[in-house]
Amino acid sequence: MEPAGAPGSAPADGAAETGELPAPPPAVDARKSERSPKDMALSLLILLVPIALLLAFYRGFLGGDQPITVDPAPALESARAANAFPVSEPRELGDEWQTVTANFQTVEGGATLRLGYVTPEGRGAQLVQSNVPPEQLLPAELTAEAQPQGQTDLDGRTWQRYTARANEQALVLLEPNRTVIVVGDARDNELRHLAGSIG
């Protein structure tokens, strides 16, 4: 019996068919398979820096945090042209009050004008004027659970305080030909200021 590898002996593992010996398995470089926490942190930092720069440019130069304002004039003109109810435009609100929505539409039972604002404190307030009967309008605008909370006088007019949606409160003025609602998550002083600006 001849020893393995001796002349005339057959190569193992089928190498006799090709005349070649099998290649050894590739060596694994342990340094490439492991990343240190420091390397991962640096990679993440490289990704975050350009994102932070883009965000700063968007906010600082493009006004990314500023609300998109609209011109309320077309909605006010449509409401006056419809002659459904006396239309009031807020006076002397100041430049810090930004109009963000303005819409007039005919709805079931009447017509409604809505003007939405971002207040100087960055909160939301909406002025609603409508000739829809109050028993329909108030549940639709303030929810069916809205409850009167007493009266308050503003510029010689008596407004009703109401609860509204979560984190919101409302002032309601009931007149023979229209109902006026001032509602939002703005503070009481800002809602009163908006209500008092109505002519």
N, C-alpha and C. Protein backbone atom coordinates (compact mmCIF):
# COMPACT_ATOMS: atom_id res chain seq x y z
N MET A 1 0.86 -1.20 0.00
CA MET A 1 0.00 0.00 0.00
C MET A 1 0.88 1.23 0.00
N GLU A 2 0.56 2.18 -0.97
CA GLU A 2 1.39 3.37 -1.12
C GLU A 2 0.87 4.48 -0.24
N PRO A 3 1.75 5.25 0.35
CA PRO A 3 1.30 6.38 1.17
C PRO A 3 0.67 7.45 0.33
N ALA A 4 -0.25 8.24 0.96
CA ALA A 4 -0.93 9.31 0.24
C ALA A 4 0.07 10.32 -0.24
N GLY A 5 -0.10 10.76 -1.47
CA GLY A 5 0.80 11.76 -2.03
C GLY A 5 2.01 11.17 -2.71
N ALA A 6 2.20 9.84 -2.62
CA ALA A 6 3.34 9.20 -3.27
C ALA A 6 3.09 9.10 -4.74
N PRO A 7 4.15 8.97 -5.56
CA PRO A 7 3.95 8.85 -7.00
C PRO A 7 3.06 7.68 -7.33
N GLY A 8 2.08 7.97 -8.23
CA GLY A 8 1.19 6.91 -8.67
C GLY A 8 -0.05 6.81 -7.86
N SER A 9 -0.12 7.51 -6.73
CA SER A 9 -1.33 7.45 -5.91
C SER A 9 -2.36 8.43 -6.42
N ALA A 10 -3.65 8.17 -6.25
CA ALA A 10 -4.74 9.03 -6.74
C ALA A 10 -4.94 10.19 -5.78
N PRO A 11 -5.07 11.45 -6.31
CA PRO A 11 -5.33 12.60 -5.43
C PRO A 11 -6.68 12.48 -4.76
N ALA A 12 -6.77 12.99 -3.56
CA ALA A 12 -8.02 12.91 -2.78
C ALA A 12 -9.05 13.89 -3.29
N ASP A 13 -10.33 13.65 -2.89
CA ASP A 13 -11.44 14.58 -3.12
C ASP A 13 -11.70 14.85 -4.59
N GLY A 14 -11.51 13.87 -5.41
CA GLY A 14 -11.85 14.01 -6.81
C GLY A 14 -10.92 14.89 -7.59
N ALA A 15 -9.76 15.21 -7.06
CA ALA A 15 -8.83 16.08 -7.80
C ALA A 15 -8.25 15.38 -8.99
N ALA A 16 -8.42 14.00 -9.03
CA ALA A 16 -7.87 13.27 -10.16
C ALA A 16 -8.54 13.67 -11.46
N GLU A 17 -9.81 14.10 -11.37
CA GLU A 17 -10.53 14.45 -12.59
C GLU A 17 -9.99 15.73 -13.21
N THR A 18 -9.55 16.70 -12.42
CA THR A 18 -9.09 17.98 -12.96
C THR A 18 -7.59 18.11 -12.93
N GLY A 19 -6.94 17.32 -12.11
CA GLY A 19 -5.50 17.44 -11.98
C GLY A 19 -5.09 18.59 -11.08
N GLU A 20 -6.07 19.23 -10.41
CA GLU A 20 -5.76 20.35 -9.53
C GLU A 20 -6.20 20.04 -8.11
N LEU A 21 -5.46 20.62 -7.17
CA LEU A 21 -5.83 20.48 -5.77
C LEU A 21 -6.84 21.57 -5.40
N PRO A 22 -7.82 21.35 -4.47
CA PRO A 22 -8.80 22.39 -4.09
C PRO A 22 -8.12 23.59 -3.43
N ALA A 23 -8.67 24.79 -3.71
CA ALA A 23 -8.08 26.01 -3.15
C ALA A 23 -8.39 26.12 -1.67
N PRO A 24 -7.49 26.66 -0.90
CA PRO A 24 -7.77 26.82 0.53
C PRO A 24 -8.84 27.88 0.75
N PRO A 25 -9.62 27.81 1.84
CA PRO A 25 -10.67 28.81 2.11
C PRO A 25 -10.04 30.19 2.30
N PRO A 26 -10.77 31.27 1.86
CA PRO A 26 -10.20 32.61 1.99
C PRO A 26 -10.06 32.99 3.45
N ALA A 27 -9.02 33.73 3.73
CA ALA A 27 -8.78 34.18 5.10
C ALA A 27 -9.72 35.34 5.44
N VAL A 28 -10.24 35.36 6.63
CA VAL A 28 -11.15 36.41 7.09
C VAL A 28 -10.36 37.44 7.86
N ASP A 29 -10.49 38.70 7.41
CA ASP A 29 -9.82 39.80 8.11
C ASP A 29 -10.72 40.29 9.23
N ALA A 30 -10.35 40.00 10.45
CA ALA A 30 -11.18 40.36 11.61
C ALA A 30 -11.33 41.86 11.76
N ARG A 31 -10.35 42.62 11.26
CA ARG A 31 -10.42 44.08 11.41
C ARG A 31 -11.55 44.67 10.58
N LYS A 32 -11.89 44.08 9.42
CA LYS A 32 -12.95 44.62 8.55
C LYS A 32 -14.34 44.21 9.01
N SER A 33 -14.49 43.17 9.76
CA SER A 33 -15.81 42.67 10.14
C SER A 33 -16.36 43.35 11.39
N GLU A 34 -15.55 44.10 12.08
CA GLU A 34 -16.01 44.76 13.29
C GLU A 34 -15.79 46.26 13.19
N ARG A 35 -16.84 47.05 13.60
CA ARG A 35 -16.72 48.51 13.65
C ARG A 35 -16.85 48.96 15.08
N SER A 36 -16.03 49.86 15.44
CA SER A 36 -16.08 50.36 16.82
C SER A 36 -17.22 51.36 16.95
N PRO A 37 -17.74 51.58 18.15
CA PRO A 37 -18.77 52.60 18.37
C PRO A 37 -18.34 53.98 17.90
N LYS A 38 -17.04 54.25 18.01
CA LYS A 38 -16.53 55.55 17.56
C LYS A 38 -16.71 55.71 16.05
N ASP A 39 -16.42 54.65 15.28
CA ASP A 39 -16.59 54.71 13.83
C ASP A 39 -18.05 54.93 13.46
N MET A 40 -18.95 54.25 14.15
CA MET A 40 -20.38 54.40 13.86
C MET A 40 -20.86 55.80 14.19
N ALA A 41 -20.38 56.36 15.30
CA ALA A 41 -20.78 57.72 15.68
C ALA A 41 -20.29 58.73 14.67
N LEU A 42 -19.08 58.55 14.17
CA LEU A 42 -18.55 59.47 13.15
C LEU A 42 -19.35 59.39 11.86
N SER A 43 -19.73 58.16 11.47
CA SER A 43 -20.53 58.00 10.25
C SER A 43 -21.88 58.70 10.39
N LEU A 44 -22.50 58.55 11.57
CA LEU A 44 -23.78 59.19 11.80
C LEU A 44 -23.66 60.71 11.80
N LEU A 45 -22.58 61.21 12.38
CA LEU A 45 -22.34 62.66 12.41
C LEU A 45 -22.19 63.22 11.01
N ILE A 46 -21.51 62.48 10.16
CA ILE A 46 -21.30 62.94 8.78
C ILE A 46 -22.64 63.05 8.06
N LEU A 47 -23.59 62.17 8.38
CA LEU A 47 -24.91 62.23 7.76
C LEU A 47 -25.76 63.36 8.33
N LEU A 48 -25.63 63.62 9.63
CA LEU A 48 -26.51 64.60 10.29
C LEU A 48 -26.12 66.04 10.00
N VAL A 49 -24.84 66.30 9.79
CA VAL A 49 -24.40 67.70 9.58
C VAL A 49 -25.08 68.34 8.36
N PRO A 50 -25.09 67.71 7.18
CA PRO A 50 -25.77 68.37 6.05
C PRO A 50 -27.28 68.51 6.26
N ILE A 51 -27.89 67.54 6.97
CA ILE A 51 -29.33 67.66 7.25
C ILE A 51 -29.60 68.86 8.13
N ALA A 52 -28.78 69.05 9.15
CA ALA A 52 -28.94 70.21 10.04
C ALA A 52 -28.73 71.52 9.30
N LEU A 53 -27.78 71.56 8.39
CA LEU A 53 -27.53 72.78 7.61
C LEU A 53 -28.72 73.10 6.70
N LEU A 54 -29.28 72.07 6.06
CA LEU A 54 -30.45 72.29 5.20
C LEU A 54 -31.65 72.78 6.01
N LEU A 55 -31.86 72.21 7.19
CA LEU A 55 -32.97 72.62 8.04
C LEU A 55 -32.80 74.07 8.50
N ALA A 56 -31.59 74.45 8.86
CA ALA A 56 -31.33 75.83 9.27
C ALA A 56 -31.57 76.80 8.12
N PHE A 57 -31.17 76.41 6.91
CA PHE A 57 -31.40 77.27 5.74
C PHE A 57 -32.89 77.42 5.46
N TYR A 58 -33.63 76.30 5.58
CA TYR A 58 -35.07 76.33 5.32
C TYR A 58 -35.79 77.25 6.29
N ARG A 59 -35.42 77.16 7.58
CA ARG A 59 -36.08 77.99 8.58
C ARG A 59 -35.61 79.43 8.54
N GLY A 60 -34.32 79.63 8.39
CA GLY A 60 -33.76 80.97 8.49
C GLY A 60 -33.99 81.83 7.26
N PHE A 61 -33.86 81.23 6.07
CA PHE A 61 -33.91 82.01 4.84
C PHE A 61 -35.21 81.83 4.05
N LEU A 62 -35.83 80.68 4.19
CA LEU A 62 -37.07 80.42 3.43
C LEU A 62 -38.32 80.57 4.28
N GLY A 63 -38.16 80.89 5.57
CA GLY A 63 -39.32 81.08 6.45
C GLY A 63 -40.12 79.82 6.65
N GLY A 64 -39.44 78.71 6.87
CA GLY A 64 -40.11 77.42 6.99
C GLY A 64 -41.07 77.31 8.15
N ASP A 65 -40.86 78.09 9.21
CA ASP A 65 -41.74 78.02 10.38
C ASP A 65 -42.92 78.99 10.29
N GLN A 66 -42.94 79.82 9.29
CA GLN A 66 -44.00 80.83 9.18
C GLN A 66 -45.26 80.21 8.57
N PRO A 67 -46.44 80.52 9.12
CA PRO A 67 -47.67 80.01 8.51
C PRO A 67 -47.92 80.64 7.14
N ILE A 68 -48.60 79.91 6.30
CA ILE A 68 -48.94 80.42 4.97
C ILE A 68 -50.19 81.28 5.10
N THR A 69 -50.07 82.56 4.76
CA THR A 69 -51.19 83.48 4.91
C THR A 69 -52.00 83.56 3.62
N VAL A 70 -53.26 83.98 3.78
CA VAL A 70 -54.15 84.15 2.64
C VAL A 70 -54.79 85.53 2.72
N ASP A 71 -55.29 85.99 1.58
CA ASP A 71 -56.01 87.25 1.52
C ASP A 71 -57.49 86.99 1.80
N PRO A 72 -58.05 87.57 2.87
CA PRO A 72 -59.45 87.30 3.18
C PRO A 72 -60.44 88.07 2.32
N ALA A 73 -59.95 89.03 1.51
CA ALA A 73 -60.84 89.91 0.75
C ALA A 73 -61.82 89.17 -0.16
N PRO A 74 -61.39 88.15 -0.96
CA PRO A 74 -62.37 87.47 -1.82
C PRO A 74 -63.50 86.82 -1.04
N ALA A 75 -63.20 86.18 0.10
CA ALA A 75 -64.25 85.55 0.90
C ALA A 75 -65.19 86.59 1.48
N LEU A 76 -64.64 87.71 1.95
CA LEU A 76 -65.49 88.78 2.49
C LEU A 76 -66.38 89.37 1.40
N GLU A 77 -65.83 89.57 0.21
CA GLU A 77 -66.63 90.12 -0.90
C GLU A 77 -67.75 89.17 -1.30
N SER A 78 -67.44 87.87 -1.33
CA SER A 78 -68.48 86.88 -1.68
C SER A 78 -69.60 86.90 -0.65
N ALA A 79 -69.24 87.01 0.63
CA ALA A 79 -70.25 87.03 1.69
C ALA A 79 -71.12 88.28 1.58
N ARG A 80 -70.50 89.43 1.30
CA ARG A 80 -71.28 90.66 1.17
C ARG A 80 -72.17 90.61 -0.07
N ALA A 81 -71.67 90.03 -1.16
CA ALA A 81 -72.47 89.93 -2.39
C ALA A 81 -73.67 89.02 -2.20
N ALA A 82 -73.53 87.99 -1.38
CA ALA A 82 -74.65 87.08 -1.13
C ALA A 82 -75.75 87.74 -0.31
N ASN A 83 -75.38 88.74 0.49
CA ASN A 83 -76.34 89.51 1.29
C ASN A 83 -77.20 88.60 2.18
N ALA A 84 -76.56 87.55 2.71
CA ALA A 84 -77.29 86.60 3.56
C ALA A 84 -77.39 87.08 5.00
N PHE A 85 -76.40 87.87 5.45
CA PHE A 85 -76.36 88.38 6.82
C PHE A 85 -75.38 89.56 6.85
N PRO A 86 -75.44 90.38 7.87
CA PRO A 86 -74.46 91.47 7.98
C PRO A 86 -73.05 90.91 8.16
N VAL A 87 -72.13 91.35 7.34
CA VAL A 87 -70.77 90.82 7.36
C VAL A 87 -69.86 91.81 8.07
N SER A 88 -69.15 91.33 9.07
CA SER A 88 -68.20 92.16 9.81
C SER A 88 -66.78 91.71 9.51
N GLU A 89 -65.91 92.69 9.30
CA GLU A 89 -64.48 92.41 9.11
C GLU A 89 -63.73 92.90 10.34
N PRO A 90 -62.91 92.07 10.94
CA PRO A 90 -62.16 92.51 12.12
C PRO A 90 -61.33 93.76 11.83
N ARG A 91 -61.33 94.70 12.77
CA ARG A 91 -60.58 95.95 12.63
C ARG A 91 -59.42 95.99 13.61
N GLU A 92 -58.32 96.55 13.17
CA GLU A 92 -57.18 96.85 14.04
C GLU A 92 -56.66 95.64 14.80
N LEU A 93 -56.56 94.53 14.11
CA LEU A 93 -55.98 93.36 14.75
C LEU A 93 -54.46 93.47 14.85
N GLY A 94 -53.85 94.14 13.90
CA GLY A 94 -52.39 94.27 13.89
C GLY A 94 -51.75 93.24 12.99
N ASP A 95 -50.50 93.52 12.61
CA ASP A 95 -49.79 92.65 11.68
C ASP A 95 -49.44 91.29 12.28
N GLU A 96 -49.44 91.19 13.60
CA GLU A 96 -49.08 89.91 14.22
C GLU A 96 -50.20 88.88 14.10
N TRP A 97 -51.40 89.33 13.80
CA TRP A 97 -52.50 88.41 13.53
C TRP A 97 -52.43 88.03 12.05
N GLN A 98 -52.23 86.75 11.78
CA GLN A 98 -52.07 86.30 10.40
C GLN A 98 -53.28 85.47 9.96
N THR A 99 -53.88 85.90 8.86
CA THR A 99 -55.03 85.18 8.31
C THR A 99 -54.53 83.96 7.54
N VAL A 100 -54.96 82.77 7.96
CA VAL A 100 -54.48 81.55 7.32
C VAL A 100 -55.57 80.80 6.56
N THR A 101 -56.85 81.12 6.84
CA THR A 101 -57.95 80.53 6.07
C THR A 101 -59.03 81.59 5.91
N ALA A 102 -59.72 81.55 4.79
CA ALA A 102 -60.85 82.45 4.53
C ALA A 102 -61.78 81.73 3.56
N ASN A 103 -63.01 81.50 4.00
CA ASN A 103 -63.91 80.71 3.18
C ASN A 103 -65.36 81.14 3.41
N PHE A 104 -66.07 81.36 2.32
CA PHE A 104 -67.51 81.62 2.39
C PHE A 104 -68.22 80.54 1.60
N GLN A 105 -69.26 79.95 2.20
CA GLN A 105 -69.99 78.91 1.47
C GLN A 105 -71.45 78.88 1.91
N THR A 106 -72.27 78.47 0.96
CA THR A 106 -73.68 78.25 1.26
C THR A 106 -73.82 76.83 1.79
N VAL A 107 -74.49 76.72 2.91
CA VAL A 107 -74.66 75.41 3.55
C VAL A 107 -76.15 75.18 3.79
N GLU A 108 -76.47 74.01 4.28
CA GLU A 108 -77.87 73.70 4.55
C GLU A 108 -78.42 74.65 5.62
N GLY A 109 -79.46 75.35 5.28
CA GLY A 109 -80.08 76.27 6.23
C GLY A 109 -79.55 77.68 6.19
N GLY A 110 -78.59 77.98 5.32
CA GLY A 110 -78.08 79.35 5.25
C GLY A 110 -76.71 79.43 4.60
N ALA A 111 -75.89 80.36 5.10
CA ALA A 111 -74.55 80.58 4.57
C ALA A 111 -73.61 80.86 5.73
N THR A 112 -72.33 80.56 5.54
CA THR A 112 -71.35 80.70 6.61
C THR A 112 -70.05 81.27 6.08
N LEU A 113 -69.51 82.24 6.80
CA LEU A 113 -68.20 82.83 6.50
C LEU A 113 -67.24 82.43 7.63
N ARG A 114 -66.10 81.89 7.26
CA ARG A 114 -65.10 81.49 8.25
C ARG A 114 -63.76 82.17 7.93
N LEU A 115 -63.19 82.80 8.94
CA LEU A 115 -61.85 83.39 8.84
C LEU A 115 -61.00 82.78 9.95
N GLY A 116 -59.88 82.17 9.57
CA GLY A 116 -59.00 81.53 10.54
C GLY A 116 -57.72 82.33 10.72
N TYR A 117 -57.24 82.39 11.95
CA TYR A 117 -56.07 83.21 12.28
C TYR A 117 -55.05 82.42 13.09
N VAL A 118 -53.78 82.82 12.94
CA VAL A 118 -52.74 82.48 13.90
C VAL A 118 -52.51 83.74 14.71
N THR A 119 -52.65 83.63 16.03
CA THR A 119 -52.59 84.79 16.91
C THR A 119 -51.14 85.20 17.16
N PRO A 120 -50.92 86.37 17.78
CA PRO A 120 -49.55 86.78 18.10
C PRO A 120 -48.80 85.77 18.96
N GLU A 121 -49.51 85.00 19.77
CA GLU A 121 -48.86 83.98 20.60
C GLU A 121 -48.69 82.65 19.87
N GLY A 122 -49.04 82.63 18.58
CA GLY A 122 -48.86 81.41 17.79
C GLY A 122 -49.96 80.39 17.96
N ARG A 123 -51.11 80.80 18.48
CA ARG A 123 -52.22 79.88 18.67
C ARG A 123 -53.26 80.08 17.57
N GLY A 124 -54.30 79.22 17.57
CA GLY A 124 -55.31 79.28 16.53
C GLY A 124 -56.60 79.90 17.03
N ALA A 125 -57.22 80.69 16.15
CA ALA A 125 -58.52 81.29 16.45
C ALA A 125 -59.30 81.38 15.15
N GLN A 126 -60.63 81.20 15.25
CA GLN A 126 -61.47 81.25 14.07
C GLN A 126 -62.67 82.15 14.34
N LEU A 127 -62.98 82.96 13.35
CA LEU A 127 -64.17 83.82 13.40
C LEU A 127 -65.20 83.25 12.43
N VAL A 128 -66.36 82.91 12.97
CA VAL A 128 -67.44 82.33 12.16
C VAL A 128 -68.62 83.28 12.21
N GLN A 129 -69.15 83.62 11.03
CA GLN A 129 -70.38 84.41 10.93
C GLN A 129 -71.35 83.64 10.05
N SER A 130 -72.60 83.52 10.51
CA SER A 130 -73.53 82.66 9.79
C SER A 130 -74.97 83.04 10.10
N ASN A 131 -75.86 82.75 9.14
CA ASN A 131 -77.29 82.87 9.40
C ASN A 131 -77.96 81.51 9.54
N VAL A 132 -77.14 80.46 9.66
CA VAL A 132 -77.68 79.13 9.98
C VAL A 132 -78.28 79.20 11.39
N PRO A 133 -79.44 78.64 11.61
CA PRO A 133 -80.04 78.69 12.96
C PRO A 133 -79.06 78.19 14.03
N PRO A 134 -78.99 78.90 15.17
CA PRO A 134 -78.02 78.54 16.21
C PRO A 134 -78.12 77.09 16.67
N GLU A 135 -79.33 76.55 16.70
CA GLU A 135 -79.47 75.17 17.15
C GLU A 135 -78.80 74.17 16.21
N GLN A 136 -78.55 74.58 14.96
CA GLN A 136 -77.79 73.76 14.02
C GLN A 136 -76.32 74.17 14.01
N LEU A 137 -76.09 75.48 14.07
CA LEU A 137 -74.72 75.99 13.91
C LEU A 137 -73.83 75.63 15.10
N LEU A 138 -74.31 75.84 16.31
CA LEU A 138 -73.46 75.64 17.48
C LEU A 138 -72.98 74.20 17.63
N PRO A 139 -73.87 73.19 17.50
CA PRO A 139 -73.34 71.82 17.57
C PRO A 139 -72.34 71.50 16.47
N ALA A 140 -72.55 72.07 15.28
CA ALA A 140 -71.64 71.80 14.17
C ALA A 140 -70.27 72.43 14.39
N GLU A 141 -70.24 73.62 14.97
CA GLU A 141 -68.98 74.34 15.15
C GLU A 141 -68.30 74.02 16.47
N LEU A 142 -69.07 73.73 17.50
CA LEU A 142 -68.50 73.57 18.84
C LEU A 142 -68.63 72.17 19.41
N THR A 143 -69.24 71.27 18.69
CA THR A 143 -69.59 69.89 19.08
C THR A 143 -70.92 69.87 19.83
N ALA A 144 -71.56 68.73 19.80
CA ALA A 144 -72.87 68.58 20.44
C ALA A 144 -72.79 68.70 21.96
N GLU A 145 -71.59 68.51 22.53
CA GLU A 145 -71.42 68.60 23.98
C GLU A 145 -71.14 70.01 24.47
N ALA A 146 -71.11 70.98 23.57
CA ALA A 146 -70.80 72.36 23.97
C ALA A 146 -71.83 72.88 24.96
N GLN A 147 -71.35 73.55 26.00
CA GLN A 147 -72.23 74.05 27.04
C GLN A 147 -71.94 75.52 27.32
N PRO A 148 -73.00 76.35 27.54
CA PRO A 148 -72.78 77.75 27.90
C PRO A 148 -72.13 77.85 29.28
N GLN A 149 -71.24 78.84 29.42
CA GLN A 149 -70.49 79.01 30.66
C GLN A 149 -70.67 80.41 31.27
N GLY A 150 -71.71 81.10 30.86
CA GLY A 150 -71.93 82.45 31.39
C GLY A 150 -71.75 83.51 30.33
N GLN A 151 -71.91 84.76 30.73
CA GLN A 151 -71.87 85.88 29.79
C GLN A 151 -70.65 86.75 30.03
N THR A 152 -70.29 87.51 28.99
CA THR A 152 -69.24 88.52 29.10
C THR A 152 -69.60 89.67 28.17
N ASP A 153 -69.34 90.89 28.59
CA ASP A 153 -69.66 92.08 27.80
C ASP A 153 -68.41 92.59 27.10
N LEU A 154 -68.55 92.84 25.79
CA LEU A 154 -67.46 93.38 24.98
C LEU A 154 -68.01 94.48 24.10
N ASP A 155 -67.52 95.69 24.28
CA ASP A 155 -67.93 96.83 23.45
C ASP A 155 -69.44 96.97 23.38
N GLY A 156 -70.09 96.83 24.52
CA GLY A 156 -71.53 97.03 24.57
C GLY A 156 -72.36 95.86 24.08
N ARG A 157 -71.72 94.75 23.76
CA ARG A 157 -72.45 93.57 23.31
C ARG A 157 -72.27 92.45 24.34
N THR A 158 -73.30 91.65 24.49
CA THR A 158 -73.25 90.55 25.44
C THR A 158 -72.97 89.25 24.69
N TRP A 159 -71.81 88.67 24.97
CA TRP A 159 -71.39 87.41 24.38
C TRP A 159 -71.61 86.28 25.38
N GLN A 160 -71.87 85.10 24.86
CA GLN A 160 -71.99 83.90 25.68
C GLN A 160 -70.68 83.12 25.60
N ARG A 161 -70.18 82.70 26.75
CA ARG A 161 -69.02 81.81 26.77
C ARG A 161 -69.50 80.37 26.60
N TYR A 162 -68.75 79.61 25.80
CA TYR A 162 -69.09 78.21 25.56
C TYR A 162 -67.85 77.34 25.65
N THR A 163 -68.06 76.10 26.07
CA THR A 163 -67.03 75.09 25.91
C THR A 163 -67.02 74.67 24.44
N ALA A 164 -65.90 74.12 24.00
CA ALA A 164 -65.80 73.67 22.61
C ALA A 164 -65.01 72.37 22.57
N ARG A 165 -64.28 72.15 21.49
CA ARG A 165 -63.47 70.94 21.40
C ARG A 165 -62.35 70.98 22.43
N ALA A 166 -61.63 69.88 22.55
CA ALA A 166 -60.56 69.78 23.55
C ALA A 166 -59.59 70.94 23.40
N ASN A 167 -59.26 71.57 24.52
CA ASN A 167 -58.31 72.69 24.58
C ASN A 167 -58.82 73.94 23.89
N GLU A 168 -60.10 74.01 23.55
CA GLU A 168 -60.65 75.19 22.90
C GLU A 168 -61.77 75.78 23.76
N GLN A 169 -61.97 77.07 23.58
CA GLN A 169 -63.10 77.76 24.19
C GLN A 169 -63.71 78.68 23.13
N ALA A 170 -64.92 79.17 23.42
CA ALA A 170 -65.62 79.95 22.39
C ALA A 170 -66.40 81.09 23.03
N LEU A 171 -66.55 82.15 22.23
CA LEU A 171 -67.44 83.26 22.54
C LEU A 171 -68.49 83.30 21.44
N VAL A 172 -69.76 83.41 21.85
CA VAL A 172 -70.86 83.36 20.88
C VAL A 172 -71.72 84.60 21.04
N LEU A 173 -71.99 85.26 19.91
CA LEU A 173 -72.85 86.44 19.88
C LEU A 173 -74.10 86.08 19.07
N LEU A 174 -75.25 86.10 19.73
CA LEU A 174 -76.52 85.79 19.06
C LEU A 174 -77.22 87.07 18.67
N GLU A 175 -77.42 87.26 17.38
CA GLU A 175 -78.12 88.43 16.85
C GLU A 175 -79.31 87.96 16.03
N PRO A 176 -80.27 88.86 15.76
CA PRO A 176 -81.46 88.43 15.02
C PRO A 176 -81.16 87.85 13.64
N ASN A 177 -80.18 88.42 12.93
CA ASN A 177 -79.92 88.00 11.55
C ASN A 177 -78.67 87.14 11.38
N ARG A 178 -77.92 86.96 12.42
CA ARG A 178 -76.71 86.16 12.31
C ARG A 178 -76.24 85.71 13.69
N THR A 179 -75.37 84.70 13.66
CA THR A 179 -74.66 84.25 14.86
C THR A 179 -73.18 84.41 14.59
N VAL A 180 -72.45 84.96 15.56
CA VAL A 180 -71.01 85.14 15.44
C VAL A 180 -70.34 84.26 16.49
N ILE A 181 -69.35 83.50 16.06
CA ILE A 181 -68.60 82.62 16.95
C ILE A 181 -67.13 82.95 16.84
N VAL A 182 -66.47 83.13 17.96
CA VAL A 182 -65.01 83.23 18.02
C VAL A 182 -64.54 82.03 18.82
N VAL A 183 -63.78 81.15 18.20
CA VAL A 183 -63.42 79.88 18.83
C VAL A 183 -61.98 79.53 18.52
N GLY A 184 -61.32 78.84 19.45
CA GLY A 184 -59.96 78.38 19.20
C GLY A 184 -59.26 77.98 20.47
N ASP A 185 -57.98 77.59 20.31
CA ASP A 185 -57.18 77.25 21.48
C ASP A 185 -56.37 78.44 21.96
N ALA A 186 -56.65 79.63 21.40
CA ALA A 186 -55.99 80.85 21.86
C ALA A 186 -56.42 81.17 23.28
N ARG A 187 -55.62 81.98 23.96
CA ARG A 187 -55.96 82.38 25.32
C ARG A 187 -57.17 83.30 25.32
N ASP A 188 -57.76 83.42 26.49
CA ASP A 188 -58.98 84.20 26.63
C ASP A 188 -58.79 85.65 26.17
N ASN A 189 -57.65 86.25 26.50
CA ASN A 189 -57.44 87.65 26.13
C ASN A 189 -57.38 87.83 24.62
N GLU A 190 -56.83 86.83 23.90
CA GLU A 190 -56.77 86.95 22.45
C GLU A 190 -58.13 86.70 21.82
N LEU A 191 -58.90 85.77 22.34
CA LEU A 191 -60.26 85.56 21.83
C LEU A 191 -61.12 86.80 22.06
N ARG A 192 -60.98 87.40 23.22
CA ARG A 192 -61.73 88.63 23.52
C ARG A 192 -61.30 89.77 22.59
N HIS A 193 -60.01 89.83 22.30
CA HIS A 193 -59.52 90.87 21.39
C HIS A 193 -60.10 90.69 19.99
N LEU A 194 -60.15 89.46 19.52
CA LEU A 194 -60.73 89.18 18.20
C LEU A 194 -62.21 89.51 18.20
N ALA A 195 -62.93 89.10 19.24
CA ALA A 195 -64.36 89.37 19.30
C ALA A 195 -64.63 90.88 19.36
N GLY A 196 -63.79 91.59 20.12
CA GLY A 196 -63.99 93.04 20.24
C GLY A 196 -63.64 93.81 18.99
N SER A 197 -62.91 93.18 18.06
CA SER A 197 -62.52 93.88 16.83
C SER A 197 -63.60 93.86 15.77
N ILE A 198 -64.68 93.14 16.02
CA ILE A 198 -65.75 93.01 15.02
C ILE A 198 -66.65 94.23 15.06
N GLY A 199 -66.81 94.88 13.91
CA GLY A 199 -67.65 96.07 13.84
C GLY A 199 -69.12 95.74 13.69
